[in-house]
Amino acid sequence: MKVFAHLADLRHMVGQPLGTSEWITVDQDRIRKFADATLDFQWIHLDEARAAQGPFGGTIAHGFLTLSLLPAFFESGFSVADAKMGVNYGLNRVRFTAPVPAGSRLRAQFKLLAFDEIEGGAQLTVEATIEREGASRPVCVAESVTRRYV
């Protein structure tokens, strides 16, 4: 994990990579738990027999499950030593560019798009490119806006 000593150090990182997260496995159990939490029970996520005959040859993760892993990806992707806390502020753009078959391993690459000072810290706009192990294209690209406070 890349560690930045001070939040202000990121000011000069706009346009540069910030780090890469650890891998997270998205197995069928995680998909089922996400369906339970969100009440999204679409067959392509849960019915393994039917999904085997579907367009992806098996069950796939919900797009929003992939997106919901952003905090975990951030946690292992990079850190700012003097930041006391961070909060999600929103998303500017999200695209689900490829399916995530059950059993996939995902990680995120982070690039800083903007650094804006706010009272007590900074607002960071970070491009998160989520990739699936062994795949040639990302499964999700999202612009995440977070606020970090020192």
Protein backbone atom coordinates (compact mmCIF):
# COMPACT_ATOMS: atom_id res chain seq x y z
CA MET A 1 0.00 0.00 0.00
CA LYS A 2 1.21 3.46 -0.87
CA VAL A 3 1.28 5.77 2.18
CA PHE A 4 1.31 9.54 1.90
CA ALA A 5 2.58 11.32 5.00
CA HIS A 6 0.39 14.39 4.61
CA LEU A 7 -2.88 15.13 2.88
CA ALA A 8 -1.22 18.18 1.35
CA ASP A 9 1.23 15.84 -0.43
CA LEU A 10 -1.63 14.82 -2.71
CA ARG A 11 -2.00 18.35 -4.06
CA HIS A 12 0.83 17.63 -6.50
CA MET A 13 -0.45 14.16 -7.43
CA VAL A 14 -3.32 15.30 -9.69
CA GLY A 15 -3.24 13.14 -12.82
CA GLN A 16 -1.01 10.56 -11.12
CA PRO A 17 -1.67 7.06 -9.78
CA LEU A 18 -2.28 6.83 -6.03
CA GLY A 19 -2.08 3.09 -5.55
CA THR A 20 -3.57 -0.33 -6.12
CA SER A 21 -5.82 -2.20 -3.71
CA GLU A 22 -5.58 -5.77 -2.56
CA TRP A 23 -7.69 -8.43 -4.29
CA ILE A 24 -11.20 -9.18 -3.03
CA THR A 25 -13.03 -12.36 -4.00
CA VAL A 26 -16.64 -11.97 -5.05
CA ASP A 27 -18.04 -15.46 -4.46
CA GLN A 28 -21.62 -16.68 -4.62
CA ASP A 29 -22.09 -16.29 -0.87
CA ARG A 30 -21.15 -12.58 -1.04
CA ILE A 31 -23.53 -12.14 -4.00
CA ARG A 32 -26.37 -13.82 -2.07
CA LYS A 33 -25.76 -11.65 1.01
CA PHE A 34 -25.80 -8.53 -1.15
CA ALA A 35 -29.10 -9.63 -2.70
CA ASP A 36 -30.53 -10.14 0.80
CA ALA A 37 -29.35 -6.69 1.90
CA THR A 38 -30.65 -4.85 -1.18
CA LEU A 39 -33.72 -6.98 -2.03
CA ASP A 40 -32.38 -7.45 -5.57
CA PHE A 41 -33.12 -11.11 -6.26
CA GLN A 42 -32.75 -11.16 -10.05
CA TRP A 43 -32.08 -14.69 -11.29
CA ILE A 44 -28.82 -13.79 -13.05
CA HIS A 45 -27.31 -13.23 -9.61
CA LEU A 46 -28.82 -16.11 -7.63
CA ASP A 47 -30.20 -18.96 -9.76
CA GLU A 48 -27.07 -20.89 -10.65
CA ALA A 49 -28.85 -23.45 -12.86
CA ARG A 50 -30.76 -20.84 -14.87
CA ALA A 51 -27.76 -18.50 -15.04
CA ALA A 52 -25.62 -21.33 -16.45
CA GLN A 53 -27.91 -21.21 -19.49
CA GLY A 54 -27.88 -17.40 -19.61
CA PRO A 55 -25.68 -14.95 -21.49
CA PHE A 56 -22.74 -15.11 -19.05
CA GLY A 57 -22.62 -18.87 -18.45
CA GLY A 58 -23.18 -18.51 -14.72
CA THR A 59 -24.20 -16.11 -12.02
CA ILE A 60 -22.72 -12.62 -11.94
CA ALA A 61 -22.37 -10.03 -9.21
CA HIS A 62 -24.68 -7.05 -9.03
CA GLY A 63 -23.05 -3.94 -10.48
CA PHE A 64 -23.81 -2.14 -7.24
CA LEU A 65 -22.07 -4.91 -5.30
CA THR A 66 -18.92 -4.17 -7.27
CA LEU A 67 -19.36 -0.46 -6.59
CA SER A 68 -20.04 -1.05 -2.89
CA LEU A 69 -16.55 -2.54 -2.53
CA LEU A 70 -14.99 0.89 -3.15
CA PRO A 71 -14.45 1.62 0.58
CA ALA A 72 -12.60 -1.68 1.03
CA PHE A 73 -10.53 -1.01 -2.09
CA PHE A 74 -9.66 2.47 -0.82
CA GLU A 75 -8.68 1.03 2.56
CA SER A 76 -5.98 -1.17 1.03
CA GLY A 77 -5.11 1.01 -1.98
CA PHE A 78 -3.48 4.01 -0.36
CA SER A 79 -3.52 5.91 2.90
CA VAL A 80 -2.81 9.38 4.19
CA ALA A 81 -1.04 9.26 7.55
CA ASP A 82 -2.23 12.61 8.90
CA ALA A 83 -5.87 12.20 7.80
CA LYS A 84 -8.05 11.64 10.87
CA MET A 85 -11.11 10.61 8.90
CA GLY A 86 -12.62 10.41 5.47
CA VAL A 87 -16.20 10.45 4.24
CA ASN A 88 -17.85 9.58 0.95
CA TYR A 89 -19.15 12.71 -0.71
CA GLY A 90 -20.53 11.17 -3.89
CA LEU A 91 -19.86 9.85 -7.34
CA ASN A 92 -19.52 11.82 -10.56
CA ARG A 93 -19.58 9.02 -13.09
CA VAL A 94 -19.94 5.25 -12.87
CA ARG A 95 -19.81 2.70 -15.67
CA PHE A 96 -20.12 -1.09 -15.34
CA THR A 97 -18.03 -2.11 -18.32
CA ALA A 98 -17.95 -5.90 -17.95
CA PRO A 99 -19.68 -8.61 -15.90
CA VAL A 100 -18.23 -10.05 -12.69
CA PRO A 101 -18.78 -13.83 -12.67
CA ALA A 102 -19.19 -15.44 -9.25
CA GLY A 103 -15.78 -16.45 -7.92
CA SER A 104 -13.96 -13.50 -9.51
CA ARG A 105 -11.15 -11.65 -7.80
CA LEU A 106 -11.28 -7.86 -8.09
CA ARG A 107 -8.96 -5.00 -7.26
CA ALA A 108 -8.91 -1.27 -7.94
CA GLN A 109 -6.33 1.06 -9.42
CA PHE A 110 -6.63 4.67 -8.19
CA LYS A 111 -5.74 7.89 -10.00
CA LEU A 112 -6.21 11.36 -8.51
CA LEU A 113 -8.30 13.57 -10.81
CA ALA A 114 -8.75 16.61 -8.55
CA PHE A 115 -7.58 17.98 -5.20
CA ASP A 116 -9.70 20.78 -3.76
CA GLU A 117 -9.04 22.32 -0.38
CA ILE A 118 -11.99 22.47 2.01
CA GLU A 119 -12.20 23.62 5.59
CA GLY A 120 -10.21 21.16 7.67
CA GLY A 121 -8.98 19.06 4.77
CA ALA A 122 -9.42 18.31 1.10
CA GLN A 123 -11.96 16.97 -1.32
CA LEU A 124 -10.45 14.33 -3.58
CA THR A 125 -11.88 13.22 -6.90
CA VAL A 126 -10.39 9.81 -7.60
CA GLU A 127 -10.84 7.59 -10.62
CA ALA A 128 -11.21 3.99 -9.49
CA THR A 129 -10.68 1.42 -12.20
CA ILE A 130 -11.86 -1.94 -10.91
CA GLU A 131 -10.35 -4.89 -12.69
CA ARG A 132 -11.07 -8.61 -12.66
CA GLU A 133 -8.12 -10.96 -12.38
CA GLY A 134 -7.33 -12.45 -15.78
CA ALA A 135 -9.62 -10.10 -17.74
CA SER A 136 -8.40 -7.67 -20.37
CA ARG A 137 -10.84 -4.86 -19.58
CA PRO A 138 -12.06 -3.31 -16.35
CA VAL A 139 -15.41 -4.31 -14.82
CA CYS A 140 -16.17 -0.84 -13.44
CA VAL A 141 -14.79 2.66 -13.76
CA ALA A 142 -16.03 5.22 -11.23
CA GLU A 143 -15.17 8.76 -10.23
CA SER A 144 -15.38 8.79 -6.45
CA VAL A 145 -15.51 12.03 -4.50
CA THR A 146 -14.31 11.78 -0.91
CA ARG A 147 -13.46 14.27 1.77
CA ARG A 148 -10.45 13.72 3.98
CA TYR A 149 -9.92 15.69 7.17
CA VAL A 150 -6.72 16.32 9.11
